[in-house]
Amino acid sequence: MEGCREEHEQRVLEWIGDHFYLDQIEVRDYPLFPCGKWMTDRNGETMIVFWDMLDDRISYVVEN
């Protein structure tokens, strides 16, 4: 199974841009997930968005 491909990372970044105001979140790489991005909002709430290689789609995990 291959790792993060550039096209998948681009799709993850586009999904984040389509669903969030980029000036209101911080986005960092999160290499524990394929194409993973760790997002933190102004309230300190976090979310991980990544490329799900098994289902071939974008997925996310909301941290509580």
PDB file of N, CA and C in Angstrom:
ATOM      1  N   MET A   1       0.853  -1.179   0.000  1.00  0.00           N
ATOM      2  CA  MET A   1       0.000   0.000   0.000  1.00  0.00           C
ATOM      3  C   MET A   1       0.896   1.238   0.000  1.00  0.00           C
ATOM      4  N   GLU A   2       0.606   2.162  -0.872  1.00  0.00           N
ATOM      5  CA  GLU A   2       1.435   3.356  -0.988  1.00  0.00           C
ATOM      6  C   GLU A   2       0.999   4.431  -0.008  1.00  0.00           C
ATOM      7  N   GLY A   3       1.875   5.401   0.194  1.00  0.00           N
ATOM      8  CA  GLY A   3       1.574   6.496   1.107  1.00  0.00           C
ATOM      9  C   GLY A   3       0.783   7.589   0.418  1.00  0.00           C
ATOM     10  N   CYS A   4       0.953   8.781   0.914  1.00  0.00           N
ATOM     11  CA  CYS A   4       0.202   9.936   0.421  1.00  0.00           C
ATOM     12  C   CYS A   4       0.701  10.354  -0.959  1.00  0.00           C
ATOM     13  N   ARG A   5      -0.207  10.416  -1.903  1.00  0.00           N
ATOM     14  CA  ARG A   5       0.133  10.926  -3.234  1.00  0.00           C
ATOM     15  C   ARG A   5      -0.252  12.402  -3.291  1.00  0.00           C
ATOM     16  N   GLU A   6       0.447  13.129  -4.138  1.00  0.00           N
ATOM     17  CA  GLU A   6       0.232  14.570  -4.245  1.00  0.00           C
ATOM     18  C   GLU A   6      -1.226  14.906  -4.572  1.00  0.00           C
ATOM     19  N   GLU A   7      -1.842  14.131  -5.456  1.00  0.00           N
ATOM     20  CA  GLU A   7      -3.237  14.407  -5.822  1.00  0.00           C
ATOM     21  C   GLU A   7      -4.175  14.218  -4.634  1.00  0.00           C
ATOM     22  N   HIS A   8      -3.875  13.262  -3.768  1.00  0.00           N
ATOM     23  CA  HIS A   8      -4.719  13.049  -2.587  1.00  0.00           C
ATOM     24  C   HIS A   8      -4.526  14.177  -1.573  1.00  0.00           C
ATOM     25  N   GLU A   9      -3.283  14.603  -1.398  1.00  0.00           N
ATOM     26  CA  GLU A   9      -3.033  15.713  -0.484  1.00  0.00           C
ATOM     27  C   GLU A   9      -3.747  16.977  -0.977  1.00  0.00           C
ATOM     28  N   GLN A  10      -3.725  17.206  -2.273  1.00  0.00           N
ATOM     29  CA  GLN A  10      -4.411  18.370  -2.841  1.00  0.00           C
ATOM     30  C   GLN A  10      -5.912  18.286  -2.575  1.00  0.00           C
ATOM     31  N   ARG A  11      -6.480  17.115  -2.706  1.00  0.00           N
ATOM     32  CA  ARG A  11      -7.914  16.939  -2.449  1.00  0.00           C
ATOM     33  C   ARG A  11      -8.248  17.180  -0.979  1.00  0.00           C
ATOM     34  N   VAL A  12      -7.365  16.745  -0.079  1.00  0.00           N
ATOM     35  CA  VAL A  12      -7.570  16.999   1.354  1.00  0.00           C
ATOM     36  C   VAL A  12      -7.553  18.499   1.618  1.00  0.00           C
ATOM     37  N   LEU A  13      -6.574  19.196   1.058  1.00  0.00           N
ATOM     38  CA  LEU A  13      -6.485  20.646   1.261  1.00  0.00           C
ATOM     39  C   LEU A  13      -7.681  21.376   0.657  1.00  0.00           C
ATOM     40  N   GLU A  14      -8.143  20.932  -0.497  1.00  0.00           N
ATOM     41  CA  GLU A  14      -9.327  21.547  -1.105  1.00  0.00           C
ATOM     42  C   GLU A  14     -10.562  21.311  -0.237  1.00  0.00           C
ATOM     43  N   TRP A  15     -10.700  20.113   0.321  1.00  0.00           N
ATOM     44  CA  TRP A  15     -11.837  19.804   1.194  1.00  0.00           C
ATOM     45  C   TRP A  15     -11.833  20.719   2.408  1.00  0.00           C
ATOM     46  N   ILE A  16     -10.664  20.915   3.009  1.00  0.00           N
ATOM     47  CA  ILE A  16     -10.555  21.813   4.162  1.00  0.00           C
ATOM     48  C   ILE A  16     -10.975  23.219   3.761  1.00  0.00           C
ATOM     49  N   GLY A  17     -10.484  23.708   2.622  1.00  0.00           N
ATOM     50  CA  GLY A  17     -10.836  25.042   2.146  1.00  0.00           C
ATOM     51  C   GLY A  17     -12.314  25.194   1.826  1.00  0.00           C
ATOM     52  N   ASP A  18     -12.948  24.117   1.390  1.00  0.00           N
ATOM     53  CA  ASP A  18     -14.379  24.159   1.069  1.00  0.00           C
ATOM     54  C   ASP A  18     -15.260  24.147   2.308  1.00  0.00           C
ATOM     55  N   HIS A  19     -14.740  23.661   3.432  1.00  0.00           N
ATOM     56  CA  HIS A  19     -15.568  23.471   4.621  1.00  0.00           C
ATOM     57  C   HIS A  19     -15.232  24.396   5.791  1.00  0.00           C
ATOM     58  N   PHE A  20     -14.130  25.129   5.700  1.00  0.00           N
ATOM     59  CA  PHE A  20     -13.699  25.976   6.811  1.00  0.00           C
ATOM     60  C   PHE A  20     -13.174  27.301   6.297  1.00  0.00           C
ATOM     61  N   TYR A  21     -13.260  28.321   7.150  1.00  0.00           N
ATOM     62  CA  TYR A  21     -12.629  29.605   6.860  1.00  0.00           C
ATOM     63  C   TYR A  21     -11.158  29.472   7.241  1.00  0.00           C
ATOM     64  N   LEU A  22     -10.286  29.520   6.251  1.00  0.00           N
ATOM     65  CA  LEU A  22      -8.872  29.264   6.488  1.00  0.00           C
ATOM     66  C   LEU A  22      -8.213  30.281   7.405  1.00  0.00           C
ATOM     67  N   ASP A  23      -8.782  31.490   7.496  1.00  0.00           N
ATOM     68  CA  ASP A  23      -8.202  32.488   8.389  1.00  0.00           C
ATOM     69  C   ASP A  23      -8.626  32.260   9.842  1.00  0.00           C
ATOM     70  N   GLN A  24      -9.482  31.263  10.088  1.00  0.00           N
ATOM     71  CA  GLN A  24      -9.945  30.996  11.446  1.00  0.00           C
ATOM     72  C   GLN A  24      -9.434  29.665  12.001  1.00  0.00           C
ATOM     73  N   ILE A  25      -8.582  28.981  11.235  1.00  0.00           N
ATOM     74  CA  ILE A  25      -8.014  27.716  11.694  1.00  0.00           C
ATOM     75  C   ILE A  25      -6.519  27.690  11.406  1.00  0.00           C
ATOM     76  N   GLU A  26      -5.831  26.844  12.143  1.00  0.00           N
ATOM     77  CA  GLU A  26      -4.423  26.564  11.871  1.00  0.00           C
ATOM     78  C   GLU A  26      -4.360  25.145  11.329  1.00  0.00           C
ATOM     79  N   VAL A  27      -3.643  24.950  10.228  1.00  0.00           N
ATOM     80  CA  VAL A  27      -3.521  23.633   9.605  1.00  0.00           C
ATOM     81  C   VAL A  27      -2.050  23.231   9.609  1.00  0.00           C
ATOM     82  N   ARG A  28      -1.783  22.046  10.167  1.00  0.00           N
ATOM     83  CA  ARG A  28      -0.419  21.514  10.201  1.00  0.00           C
ATOM     84  C   ARG A  28      -0.417  20.103   9.624  1.00  0.00           C
ATOM     85  N   ASP A  29       0.715  19.687   9.094  1.00  0.00           N
ATOM     86  CA  ASP A  29       0.858  18.311   8.625  1.00  0.00           C
ATOM     87  C   ASP A  29       0.742  17.367   9.819  1.00  0.00           C
ATOM     88  N   TYR A  30       0.134  16.222   9.582  1.00  0.00           N
ATOM     89  CA  TYR A  30      -0.013  15.193  10.606  1.00  0.00           C
ATOM     90  C   TYR A  30       0.300  13.849   9.959  1.00  0.00           C
ATOM     91  N   PRO A  31       1.589  13.476   9.927  1.00  0.00           N
ATOM     92  CA  PRO A  31       2.034  12.319   9.139  1.00  0.00           C
ATOM     93  C   PRO A  31       1.613  10.952   9.674  1.00  0.00           C
ATOM     94  N   LEU A  32       0.945  10.882  10.808  1.00  0.00           N
ATOM     95  CA  LEU A  32       0.477   9.581  11.301  1.00  0.00           C
ATOM     96  C   LEU A  32      -0.706   9.050  10.498  1.00  0.00           C
ATOM     97  N   PHE A  33      -1.329   9.935   9.714  1.00  0.00           N
ATOM     98  CA  PHE A  33      -2.415   9.559   8.809  1.00  0.00           C
ATOM     99  C   PHE A  33      -1.988   9.894   7.384  1.00  0.00           C
ATOM    100  N   PRO A  34      -2.423   9.129   6.380  1.00  0.00           N
ATOM    101  CA  PRO A  34      -2.074   9.441   4.988  1.00  0.00           C
ATOM    102  C   PRO A  34      -2.588  10.832   4.588  1.00  0.00           C
ATOM    103  N   CYS A  35      -1.700  11.673   4.148  1.00  0.00           N
ATOM    104  CA  CYS A  35      -2.034  13.065   3.770  1.00  0.00           C
ATOM    105  C   CYS A  35      -2.696  13.803   4.927  1.00  0.00           C
ATOM    106  N   GLY A  36      -2.383  13.413   6.141  1.00  0.00           N
ATOM    107  CA  GLY A  36      -3.047  13.952   7.327  1.00  0.00           C
ATOM    108  C   GLY A  36      -2.773  15.420   7.573  1.00  0.00           C
ATOM    109  N   LYS A  37      -3.837  16.111   7.978  1.00  0.00           N
ATOM    110  CA  LYS A  37      -3.750  17.524   8.364  1.00  0.00           C
ATOM    111  C   LYS A  37      -4.423  17.680   9.720  1.00  0.00           C
ATOM    112  N   TRP A  38      -3.693  18.268  10.653  1.00  0.00           N
ATOM    113  CA  TRP A  38      -4.189  18.535  12.004  1.00  0.00           C
ATOM    114  C   TRP A  38      -4.695  19.969  12.007  1.00  0.00           C
ATOM    115  N   MET A  39      -5.966  20.151  12.304  1.00  0.00           N
ATOM    116  CA  MET A  39      -6.567  21.482  12.292  1.00  0.00           C
ATOM    117  C   MET A  39      -6.927  21.886  13.710  1.00  0.00           C
ATOM    118  N   THR A  40      -6.657  23.135  14.050  1.00  0.00           N
ATOM    119  CA  THR A  40      -7.014  23.691  15.351  1.00  0.00           C
ATOM    120  C   THR A  40      -7.753  24.996  15.111  1.00  0.00           C
ATOM    121  N   ASP A  41      -8.919  25.157  15.782  1.00  0.00           N
ATOM    122  CA  ASP A  41      -9.666  26.399  15.631  1.00  0.00           C
ATOM    123  C   ASP A  41      -9.336  27.369  16.762  1.00  0.00           C
ATOM    124  N   ARG A  42      -9.990  28.511  16.772  1.00  0.00           N
ATOM    125  CA  ARG A  42      -9.713  29.555  17.759  1.00  0.00           C
ATOM    126  C   ARG A  42     -10.038  29.120  19.183  1.00  0.00           C
ATOM    127  N   ASN A  43     -10.922  28.138  19.325  1.00  0.00           N
ATOM    128  CA  ASN A  43     -11.309  27.642  20.647  1.00  0.00           C
ATOM    129  C   ASN A  43     -10.411  26.509  21.122  1.00  0.00           C
ATOM    130  N   GLY A  44      -9.423  26.141  20.315  1.00  0.00           N
ATOM    131  CA  GLY A  44      -8.517  25.065  20.671  1.00  0.00           C
ATOM    132  C   GLY A  44      -9.042  23.679  20.330  1.00  0.00           C
ATOM    133  N   GLU A  45     -10.200  23.605  19.667  1.00  0.00           N
ATOM    134  CA  GLU A  45     -10.745  22.319  19.259  1.00  0.00           C
ATOM    135  C   GLU A  45      -9.983  21.824  18.040  1.00  0.00           C
ATOM    136  N   THR A  46      -9.780  20.509  17.976  1.00  0.00           N
ATOM    137  CA  THR A  46      -8.955  19.959  16.909  1.00  0.00           C
ATOM    138  C   THR A  46      -9.711  18.917  16.090  1.00  0.00           C
ATOM    139  N   MET A  47      -9.192  18.725  14.885  1.00  0.00           N
ATOM    140  CA  MET A  47      -9.771  17.777  13.947  1.00  0.00           C
ATOM    141  C   MET A  47      -8.643  17.299  13.041  1.00  0.00           C
ATOM    142  N   ILE A  48      -8.660  16.018  12.701  1.00  0.00           N
ATOM    143  CA  ILE A  48      -7.680  15.468  11.764  1.00  0.00           C
ATOM    144  C   ILE A  48      -8.414  15.099  10.483  1.00  0.00           C
ATOM    145  N   VAL A  49      -7.944  15.635   9.365  1.00  0.00           N
ATOM    146  CA  VAL A  49      -8.510  15.319   8.054  1.00  0.00           C
ATOM    147  C   VAL A  49      -7.432  14.562   7.292  1.00  0.00           C
ATOM    148  N   PHE A  50      -7.817  13.471   6.614  1.00  0.00           N
ATOM    149  CA  PHE A  50      -6.819  12.633   5.953  1.00  0.00           C
ATOM    150  C   PHE A  50      -7.436  11.887   4.774  1.00  0.00           C
ATOM    151  N   TRP A  51      -6.562  11.264   3.982  1.00  0.00           N
ATOM    152  CA  TRP A  51      -7.003  10.447   2.855  1.00  0.00           C
ATOM    153  C   TRP A  51      -7.147   9.010   3.338  1.00  0.00           C
ATOM    154  N   ASP A  52      -8.356   8.482   3.265  1.00  0.00           N
ATOM    155  CA  ASP A  52      -8.636   7.099   3.665  1.00  0.00           C
ATOM    156  C   ASP A  52      -8.295   6.197   2.484  1.00  0.00           C
ATOM    157  N   MET A  53      -7.177   5.491   2.576  1.00  0.00           N
ATOM    158  CA  MET A  53      -6.703   4.671   1.460  1.00  0.00           C
ATOM    159  C   MET A  53      -7.577   3.439   1.242  1.00  0.00           C
ATOM    160  N   LEU A  54      -8.222   2.938   2.282  1.00  0.00           N
ATOM    161  CA  LEU A  54      -9.067   1.751   2.131  1.00  0.00           C
ATOM    162  C   LEU A  54     -10.356   2.064   1.377  1.00  0.00           C
ATOM    163  N   ASP A  55     -10.953   3.214   1.686  1.00  0.00           N
ATOM    164  CA  ASP A  55     -12.205   3.597   1.038  1.00  0.00           C
ATOM    165  C   ASP A  55     -11.996   4.572  -0.114  1.00  0.00           C
ATOM    166  N   ASP A  56     -10.740   5.011  -0.337  1.00  0.00           N
ATOM    167  CA  ASP A  56     -10.396   5.921  -1.423  1.00  0.00           C
ATOM    168  C   ASP A  56     -11.215   7.205  -1.362  1.00  0.00           C
ATOM    169  N   ARG A  57     -11.197   7.837  -0.179  1.00  0.00           N
ATOM    170  CA  ARG A  57     -11.952   9.070   0.023  1.00  0.00           C
ATOM    171  C   ARG A  57     -11.355   9.866   1.183  1.00  0.00           C
ATOM    172  N   ILE A  58     -11.809  11.085   1.347  1.00  0.00           N
ATOM    173  CA  ILE A  58     -11.401  11.916   2.458  1.00  0.00           C
ATOM    174  C   ILE A  58     -12.202  11.495   3.681  1.00  0.00           C
ATOM    175  N   SER A  59     -11.516  11.466   4.809  1.00  0.00           N
ATOM    176  CA  SER A  59     -12.170  11.132   6.061  1.00  0.00           C
ATOM    177  C   SER A  59     -11.635  12.072   7.142  1.00  0.00           C
ATOM    178  N   TYR A  60     -12.276  12.063   8.304  1.00  0.00           N
ATOM    179  CA  TYR A  60     -11.812  12.936   9.380  1.00  0.00           C
ATOM    180  C   TYR A  60     -12.161  12.346  10.732  1.00  0.00           C
ATOM    181  N   VAL A  61     -11.439  12.829  11.739  1.00  0.00           N
ATOM    182  CA  VAL A  61     -11.653  12.444  13.130  1.00  0.00           C
ATOM    183  C   VAL A  61     -11.721  13.737  13.920  1.00  0.00           C
ATOM    184  N   VAL A  62     -12.764  13.883  14.718  1.00  0.00           N
ATOM    185  CA  VAL A  62     -12.921  15.057  15.567  1.00  0.00           C
ATOM    186  C   VAL A  62     -12.403  14.701  16.957  1.00  0.00           C
ATOM    187  N   GLU A  63     -11.484  15.496  17.463  1.00  0.00           N
ATOM    188  CA  GLU A  63     -10.933  15.271  18.789  1.00  0.00           C
ATOM    189  C   GLU A  63     -11.827  15.943  19.827  1.00  0.00           C
ATOM    190  N   ASN A  64     -12.068  15.251  20.912  1.00  0.00           N
ATOM    191  CA  ASN A  64     -12.881  15.840  22.012  1.00  0.00           C
ATOM    192  C   ASN A  64     -11.999  16.241  23.149  1.00  0.00           C
TER     193      ASN A  64
END
